[in-house]
Protein backbone atom coordinates (compact mmCIF):
# COMPACT_ATOMS: atom_id res chain seq x y z
CA UNK A 1 59.83 48.35 -105.82
CA UNK A 2 62.80 46.47 -107.22
CA UNK A 3 63.12 43.01 -105.70
CA UNK A 4 66.25 42.16 -103.75
CA UNK A 5 68.07 38.83 -104.03
CA UNK A 6 70.93 37.49 -101.95
CA UNK A 7 72.93 34.63 -103.46
CA UNK A 8 75.23 32.67 -101.16
CA UNK A 9 77.90 31.21 -103.41
CA UNK A 10 77.50 33.77 -106.20
CA UNK A 11 80.89 33.13 -107.78
CA UNK A 12 80.15 29.47 -108.56
CA UNK A 13 78.65 28.06 -111.75
CA UNK A 14 75.11 28.03 -110.32
CA UNK A 15 75.38 31.37 -108.53
CA UNK A 16 76.70 33.11 -111.64
CA UNK A 17 73.93 31.79 -113.89
CA UNK A 18 71.30 32.74 -111.29
CA UNK A 19 72.70 36.25 -110.86
CA UNK A 20 72.65 36.81 -114.61
CA UNK A 21 69.05 35.54 -114.84
CA UNK A 22 67.80 37.64 -111.91
CA UNK A 23 69.40 40.79 -113.28
CA UNK A 24 67.79 40.24 -116.67
CA UNK A 25 64.45 40.00 -114.85
CA UNK A 26 65.03 43.32 -113.06
CA UNK A 27 66.18 42.11 -109.62
CA UNK A 28 68.92 43.80 -107.63
CA UNK A 29 71.44 41.14 -106.67
CA UNK A 30 73.89 40.88 -103.79
CA UNK A 31 76.30 37.98 -103.52
CA UNK A 32 77.92 36.55 -100.42
CA UNK A 33 81.04 34.46 -100.96
CA UNK A 34 84.48 33.75 -99.61
CA UNK A 35 85.89 36.17 -102.17
CA UNK A 36 87.84 33.59 -104.16
CA UNK A 37 86.03 34.11 -107.46
CA UNK A 38 84.83 37.03 -109.52
CA UNK A 39 81.30 38.28 -108.86
CA UNK A 40 79.13 38.82 -111.98
CA UNK A 41 79.06 42.36 -113.28
CA UNK A 42 76.31 44.50 -111.78
CA UNK A 43 76.09 42.55 -108.51
CA UNK A 44 76.99 43.87 -105.07
CA UNK A 45 79.78 41.78 -103.59
CA UNK A 46 79.75 40.80 -99.92
CA UNK A 47 82.68 38.84 -98.51
CA UNK A 48 82.86 36.71 -95.38
CA UNK A 49 84.13 33.41 -94.08
CA UNK A 50 80.82 31.58 -94.03
CA UNK A 51 81.94 29.41 -91.12
CA UNK A 52 82.38 32.52 -88.96
CA UNK A 53 78.99 33.59 -87.60
CA UNK A 54 80.19 37.02 -86.49
CA UNK A 55 81.73 37.76 -89.89
CA UNK A 56 78.53 36.71 -91.65
CA UNK A 57 76.41 38.92 -89.39
CA UNK A 58 78.65 41.90 -90.11
CA UNK A 59 78.56 41.31 -93.87
CA UNK A 60 74.74 41.00 -93.94
CA UNK A 61 73.90 43.79 -91.50
CA UNK A 62 72.17 45.89 -94.18
CA UNK A 63 70.63 43.10 -96.28
CA UNK A 64 66.88 42.46 -96.44
CA UNK A 65 66.32 40.08 -99.34
CA UNK A 66 63.01 39.13 -100.91
CA UNK A 67 64.71 35.86 -101.85
CA UNK A 68 67.76 34.11 -100.41
CA UNK A 69 69.49 31.45 -102.51
CA UNK A 70 72.03 28.93 -101.21
CA UNK A 71 74.39 27.33 -103.69
CA UNK A 72 77.48 26.70 -101.61
CA UNK A 73 79.50 23.89 -100.10
CA UNK A 74 82.99 23.33 -98.80
CA UNK A 75 84.61 19.93 -99.22
CA UNK A 76 85.92 18.42 -95.99
CA UNK A 77 87.93 15.31 -95.19
CA UNK A 78 84.90 13.17 -94.28
CA UNK A 79 81.12 13.37 -94.26
CA UNK A 80 80.79 14.15 -90.56
CA UNK A 81 82.95 17.23 -91.13
CA UNK A 82 80.95 18.03 -94.28
CA UNK A 83 77.81 18.00 -92.13
CA UNK A 84 79.30 20.20 -89.44
CA UNK A 85 80.81 22.78 -91.79
CA UNK A 86 78.19 22.94 -94.54
CA UNK A 87 75.21 22.81 -92.21
CA UNK A 88 76.85 25.51 -90.12
CA UNK A 89 77.30 27.83 -93.11
CA UNK A 90 73.58 27.71 -93.91
CA UNK A 91 72.68 28.25 -90.26
CA UNK A 92 75.05 31.22 -89.96
CA UNK A 93 73.42 33.05 -92.87
CA UNK A 94 69.86 32.36 -91.71
CA UNK A 95 70.62 33.46 -88.16
CA UNK A 96 72.42 36.59 -89.40
CA UNK A 97 69.31 37.69 -91.32
CA UNK A 98 66.87 36.45 -88.69
CA UNK A 99 63.54 38.30 -88.60
CA UNK A 100 64.39 40.11 -91.84
CA UNK A 101 63.56 36.83 -93.61
CA UNK A 102 59.91 36.90 -92.54
CA UNK A 103 57.70 36.61 -95.64
CA UNK A 104 60.64 36.00 -97.98
CA UNK A 105 61.67 32.89 -99.90
CA UNK A 106 64.73 30.73 -99.13
CA UNK A 107 65.96 28.30 -101.79
CA UNK A 108 68.60 25.61 -101.26
CA UNK A 109 70.45 23.85 -104.10
CA UNK A 110 71.68 20.34 -103.28
CA UNK A 111 71.84 17.52 -105.85
CA UNK A 112 71.40 13.87 -106.71
CA UNK A 113 73.59 12.78 -103.82
CA UNK A 114 70.30 13.20 -101.94
CA UNK A 115 69.32 9.87 -103.55
CA UNK A 116 72.76 8.32 -104.10
CA UNK A 117 74.43 9.18 -100.81
CA UNK A 118 77.69 11.16 -100.51
CA UNK A 119 80.82 10.36 -102.53
CA UNK A 120 82.11 8.00 -99.82
CA UNK A 121 78.86 5.97 -99.86
CA UNK A 122 78.35 5.49 -103.63
CA UNK A 123 77.22 1.94 -104.28
CA UNK A 124 77.35 0.96 -100.59
CA UNK A 125 73.63 1.10 -99.86
CA UNK A 126 70.32 0.50 -101.58
CA UNK A 127 69.95 3.03 -104.41
CA UNK A 128 66.39 4.04 -105.31
CA UNK A 129 64.97 2.80 -108.59
CA UNK A 130 65.52 5.17 -111.51
CA UNK A 131 64.25 7.66 -112.38
CA UNK A 132 64.77 9.28 -108.98
CA UNK A 133 61.62 10.93 -107.63
CA UNK A 134 61.28 13.43 -104.81
CA UNK A 135 58.94 11.09 -102.91
CA UNK A 136 61.77 8.56 -102.47
CA UNK A 137 63.14 10.61 -99.58
CA UNK A 138 66.44 10.29 -97.78
CA UNK A 139 69.00 7.50 -97.64
CA UNK A 140 69.93 6.09 -94.20
CA UNK A 141 73.47 7.51 -94.35
CA UNK A 142 75.26 10.64 -93.16
CA UNK A 143 74.79 13.34 -95.78
CA UNK A 144 75.53 17.06 -95.53
CA UNK A 145 72.65 17.80 -97.92
CA UNK A 146 70.25 16.62 -95.24
CA UNK A 147 71.94 18.84 -92.66
CA UNK A 148 71.59 21.85 -94.93
CA UNK A 149 67.93 21.04 -95.55
CA UNK A 150 67.29 20.72 -91.82
CA UNK A 151 68.78 24.18 -91.22
CA UNK A 152 66.48 25.65 -93.88
CA UNK A 153 63.44 23.89 -92.38
CA UNK A 154 64.30 25.01 -88.84
CA UNK A 155 64.75 28.58 -90.02
CA UNK A 156 61.36 28.54 -91.75
CA UNK A 157 59.69 27.48 -88.50
CA UNK A 158 61.55 30.14 -86.54
CA UNK A 159 61.39 33.12 -88.90
CA UNK A 160 58.31 32.54 -91.05
CA UNK A 161 59.69 32.28 -94.59
CA UNK A 162 58.72 29.86 -97.36
CA UNK A 163 61.34 27.55 -98.85
CA UNK A 164 62.23 25.31 -101.78
CA UNK A 165 64.92 22.66 -102.32
CA UNK A 166 66.39 22.00 -105.78
CA UNK A 167 68.24 18.83 -106.81
CA UNK A 168 70.21 19.17 -110.04
CA UNK A 169 72.36 16.49 -111.62
CA UNK A 170 75.85 17.35 -112.96
CA UNK A 171 75.94 21.06 -113.81
CA UNK A 172 76.86 22.37 -117.26
CA UNK A 173 77.58 26.10 -117.17
CA UNK A 174 80.15 28.90 -117.26
CA UNK A 175 82.13 30.08 -114.23
CA UNK A 176 85.78 31.03 -114.15
CA UNK A 177 87.56 30.02 -110.97
CA UNK A 178 85.01 27.32 -110.19
CA UNK A 179 86.66 24.08 -111.22
CA UNK A 180 83.94 21.68 -110.01
CA UNK A 181 82.18 22.02 -113.33
CA UNK A 182 81.93 18.92 -115.50
CA UNK A 183 81.30 20.74 -118.79
CA UNK A 184 84.30 23.00 -118.34
CA UNK A 185 86.50 20.11 -117.18
CA UNK A 186 85.59 18.07 -120.27
CA UNK A 187 86.33 21.08 -122.48
CA UNK A 188 89.83 21.37 -120.99
CA UNK A 189 90.35 17.60 -121.29
CA UNK A 190 89.25 17.55 -124.95
CA UNK A 191 91.52 20.51 -125.73
CA UNK A 192 94.49 18.69 -124.18
CA UNK A 193 93.67 15.57 -126.22
CA UNK A 194 93.57 17.63 -129.41
CA UNK A 195 96.81 19.48 -128.67
CA UNK A 196 98.64 16.25 -127.81
CA UNK A 197 97.08 14.05 -130.49
CA UNK A 198 95.55 11.73 -127.90
CA UNK A 199 92.23 9.86 -128.08
CA UNK A 200 89.29 11.22 -126.10
CA UNK A 201 88.72 8.38 -123.60
CA UNK A 202 85.62 8.27 -121.42
CA UNK A 203 86.91 8.28 -117.82
CA UNK A 204 83.86 6.84 -116.09
CA UNK A 205 82.18 3.54 -115.27
CA UNK A 206 80.56 1.10 -117.71
CA UNK A 207 77.26 1.70 -115.88
CA UNK A 208 77.47 5.40 -116.76
CA UNK A 209 78.70 4.71 -120.31
CA UNK A 210 75.82 2.37 -121.09
CA UNK A 211 73.09 3.57 -118.73
CA UNK A 212 70.54 6.34 -119.10
CA UNK A 213 71.67 9.69 -117.70
CA UNK A 214 70.76 13.37 -117.60
CA UNK A 215 72.45 16.65 -116.66
CA UNK A 216 71.44 20.15 -115.61
CA UNK A 217 72.07 23.30 -117.59
CA UNK A 218 72.97 26.08 -115.14
CA UNK A 219 70.61 28.42 -116.99
CA UNK A 220 67.69 26.03 -116.58
CA UNK A 221 68.39 25.68 -112.87
CA UNK A 222 68.42 29.48 -112.60
CA UNK A 223 65.00 29.56 -114.26
CA UNK A 224 63.63 27.02 -111.80
CA UNK A 225 65.06 28.90 -108.83
CA UNK A 226 63.44 32.15 -109.97
CA UNK A 227 60.14 30.37 -110.62
CA UNK A 228 60.17 28.78 -107.17
CA UNK A 229 60.87 32.14 -105.52
CA UNK A 230 57.73 33.64 -107.03
CA UNK A 231 55.22 30.83 -107.67
CA UNK A 232 52.73 29.91 -104.96
CA UNK A 233 52.75 26.28 -106.15
CA UNK A 234 56.46 25.97 -105.33
CA UNK A 235 56.22 26.99 -101.67
CA UNK A 236 57.73 24.51 -99.21
CA UNK A 237 58.50 21.88 -101.84
CA UNK A 238 61.50 19.91 -103.09
CA UNK A 239 62.15 19.61 -106.83
CA UNK A 240 64.45 17.71 -109.12
CA UNK A 241 66.08 20.05 -111.64
CA UNK A 242 67.39 18.54 -114.88
CA UNK A 243 67.26 19.45 -118.56
CA UNK A 244 64.24 17.28 -119.34
CA UNK A 245 65.90 15.02 -121.91
CA UNK A 246 67.87 11.83 -121.26
CA UNK A 247 70.87 10.30 -123.05
CA UNK A 248 73.55 7.65 -122.83
CA UNK A 249 77.18 8.70 -122.65
CA UNK A 250 78.00 6.19 -125.39
CA UNK A 251 75.81 8.38 -127.65
CA UNK A 252 76.93 11.80 -126.38
CA UNK A 253 80.68 11.16 -126.12
CA UNK A 254 81.38 10.91 -129.90
CA UNK A 255 79.41 14.12 -130.44
CA UNK A 256 81.48 16.00 -127.87
CA UNK A 257 84.61 14.61 -129.53
CA UNK A 258 83.39 15.80 -132.95
CA UNK A 259 82.97 19.34 -131.61
CA UNK A 260 86.66 19.44 -130.70
CA UNK A 261 87.88 17.48 -133.70
CA UNK A 262 89.32 14.64 -131.63
CA UNK A 263 89.02 10.87 -131.84
CA UNK A 264 86.31 9.37 -129.62
CA UNK A 265 87.84 6.20 -128.25
CA UNK A 266 85.87 3.02 -127.69
CA UNK A 267 85.11 2.26 -124.07
CA UNK A 268 88.40 1.05 -122.52
CA UNK A 269 89.05 -2.40 -121.07
CA UNK A 270 88.97 -0.84 -117.59
CA UNK A 271 88.02 2.50 -116.07
CA UNK A 272 90.52 5.26 -116.78
CA UNK A 273 89.77 8.15 -114.38
CA UNK A 274 91.07 11.57 -115.30
CA UNK A 275 92.83 12.21 -112.00
CA UNK A 276 95.29 9.40 -112.64
CA UNK A 277 95.99 10.49 -116.23
CA UNK A 278 96.29 14.23 -115.76
CA UNK A 279 99.44 14.39 -113.62
CA UNK A 280 101.32 16.43 -116.23
CA UNK A 281 98.33 18.43 -117.44
CA UNK A 282 99.19 21.62 -115.53
CA UNK A 283 102.42 22.24 -117.42
CA UNK A 284 100.88 21.27 -120.76
CA UNK A 285 98.01 23.67 -120.16
CA UNK A 286 100.40 26.52 -119.38
CA UNK A 287 101.99 25.92 -122.77
CA UNK A 288 98.59 25.81 -124.49
CA UNK A 289 97.48 28.99 -122.73
CA UNK A 290 100.63 30.81 -123.82
CA UNK A 291 100.36 29.56 -127.40
CA UNK A 292 96.77 30.73 -127.81
CA UNK A 293 96.92 33.70 -125.41
CA UNK A 294 94.19 32.26 -123.18
CA UNK A 295 93.01 34.16 -120.13
CA UNK A 296 93.72 31.44 -117.53
CA UNK A 297 96.95 29.43 -117.47
CA UNK A 298 96.27 27.73 -114.12
CA UNK A 299 94.42 24.53 -114.92
CA UNK A 300 93.31 24.09 -111.30
CA UNK A 301 91.02 27.10 -111.76
CA UNK A 302 89.35 25.51 -114.79
CA UNK A 303 89.17 21.76 -114.24
CA UNK A 304 88.55 19.40 -111.35
CA UNK A 305 89.54 15.89 -112.35
CA UNK A 306 88.35 14.20 -109.14
CA UNK A 307 84.93 15.84 -109.28
CA UNK A 308 84.25 14.81 -112.89
CA UNK A 309 85.60 11.33 -112.11
CA UNK A 310 83.06 11.12 -109.27
CA UNK A 311 80.20 12.26 -111.53
CA UNK A 312 81.07 9.85 -114.33
CA UNK A 313 82.34 7.00 -112.19
CA UNK A 314 79.12 6.15 -110.39
CA UNK A 315 78.59 2.38 -110.34
CA UNK A 316 74.89 2.74 -111.12
CA UNK A 317 72.52 4.40 -113.55
CA UNK A 318 71.39 7.85 -112.41
CA UNK A 319 68.64 10.01 -113.88
CA UNK A 320 65.61 11.82 -112.53
CA UNK A 321 61.91 12.42 -113.04
CA UNK A 322 60.63 15.98 -113.53
CA UNK A 323 56.91 15.33 -113.13
CA UNK A 324 56.59 17.19 -109.85
CA UNK A 325 57.95 20.40 -111.36
CA UNK A 326 55.86 20.01 -114.48
CA UNK A 327 52.66 19.54 -112.52
CA UNK A 328 53.47 22.57 -110.38
CA UNK A 329 53.95 24.76 -113.44
CA UNK A 330 57.66 24.76 -114.26
CA UNK A 331 58.15 23.74 -117.90
CA UNK A 332 61.78 24.71 -118.55
CA UNK A 333 63.72 22.46 -120.94
CA UNK A 334 67.18 22.22 -122.48
CA UNK A 335 68.72 19.93 -125.08
CA UNK A 336 71.76 18.42 -123.39
CA UNK A 337 73.94 18.42 -126.51
CA UNK A 338 73.09 22.11 -126.93
CA UNK A 339 73.97 22.76 -123.26
CA UNK A 340 77.46 21.41 -123.85
CA UNK A 341 78.11 23.02 -127.22
CA UNK A 342 76.79 26.41 -126.10
CA UNK A 343 79.10 26.25 -123.08
CA UNK A 344 82.03 25.35 -125.32
CA UNK A 345 81.17 28.25 -127.64
CA UNK A 346 81.18 30.64 -124.67
CA UNK A 347 84.48 29.26 -123.38
CA UNK A 348 85.97 29.99 -126.80
CA UNK A 349 84.46 33.47 -126.94
CA UNK A 350 85.82 34.24 -123.45
CA UNK A 351 89.27 32.91 -124.48
CA UNK A 352 89.20 30.17 -121.88
CA UNK A 353 89.85 27.47 -124.50
CA UNK A 354 91.30 27.96 -127.98
CA UNK A 355 89.19 28.30 -131.10
């Protein structure tokens, strides 16, 4: 029989890539979301406020997935609220499905804030030695990732499913309407630099500019999620999920600039975050979109300056080890430069950025 997947957060960059991968592999895919973004073609769309347990139960009344995937979060004003809201969303879905999850697989996507702490705690505690390894465990700080994990673990004990946790770094992938996407944000930024004749200035910290880093191609993460849902070796395990190569931004930045035909500036005398420099970007982008007949004139649906600033502004080196996945049988790999340029090519083909 055709396998059934339920993706919570299907309209995001991770959910979209996973839905496309599962459908290529013959799965039937349903997606639960707040209804703010487009669901990939061929998927069944389910809409509910994930913080409303009754609404979630109603939306999932007929669902019986072989695999349930969580790739969802809602930003709140502080970490205690992040814990309450984001942990509650995971719990609401698990409780709505209840005994129907018995024998299935539940996968949760979190990220490197598992090791670094949440945005508010960057650089305020002891950061594990790089590369980050799954055995390093949790930081002694409030973190909504831990709350989400605990809901998945509690549900496994209660309903008898197997689980996996996946920790990507910054995601590079395609998703319209999902602005918290570093690759897409950098594409919009580079386009604005080209249109205005401005230099392409790295917005992040010197530690990120000079240190070793890695990123996660959304397609590779989708491959790992599918592998974990079907491989016995992945049951009840946590895994880092990155491309498998490493780089320094001072190497990659000029190559991204060359793709767009813009000048790659030297590292500035001080950090120059995007959020502070993009105050007039919305109007400029509307003009660019009209000039090139692009499909989205609202820059807030394409770029998130604060989120990319947070990714690139970390005051420490951040990259991960993939040995645990490799030993368990997952051998997926991406070239990071290819991840970016292939995304940019798709953004052009989809008329999101100009040729």
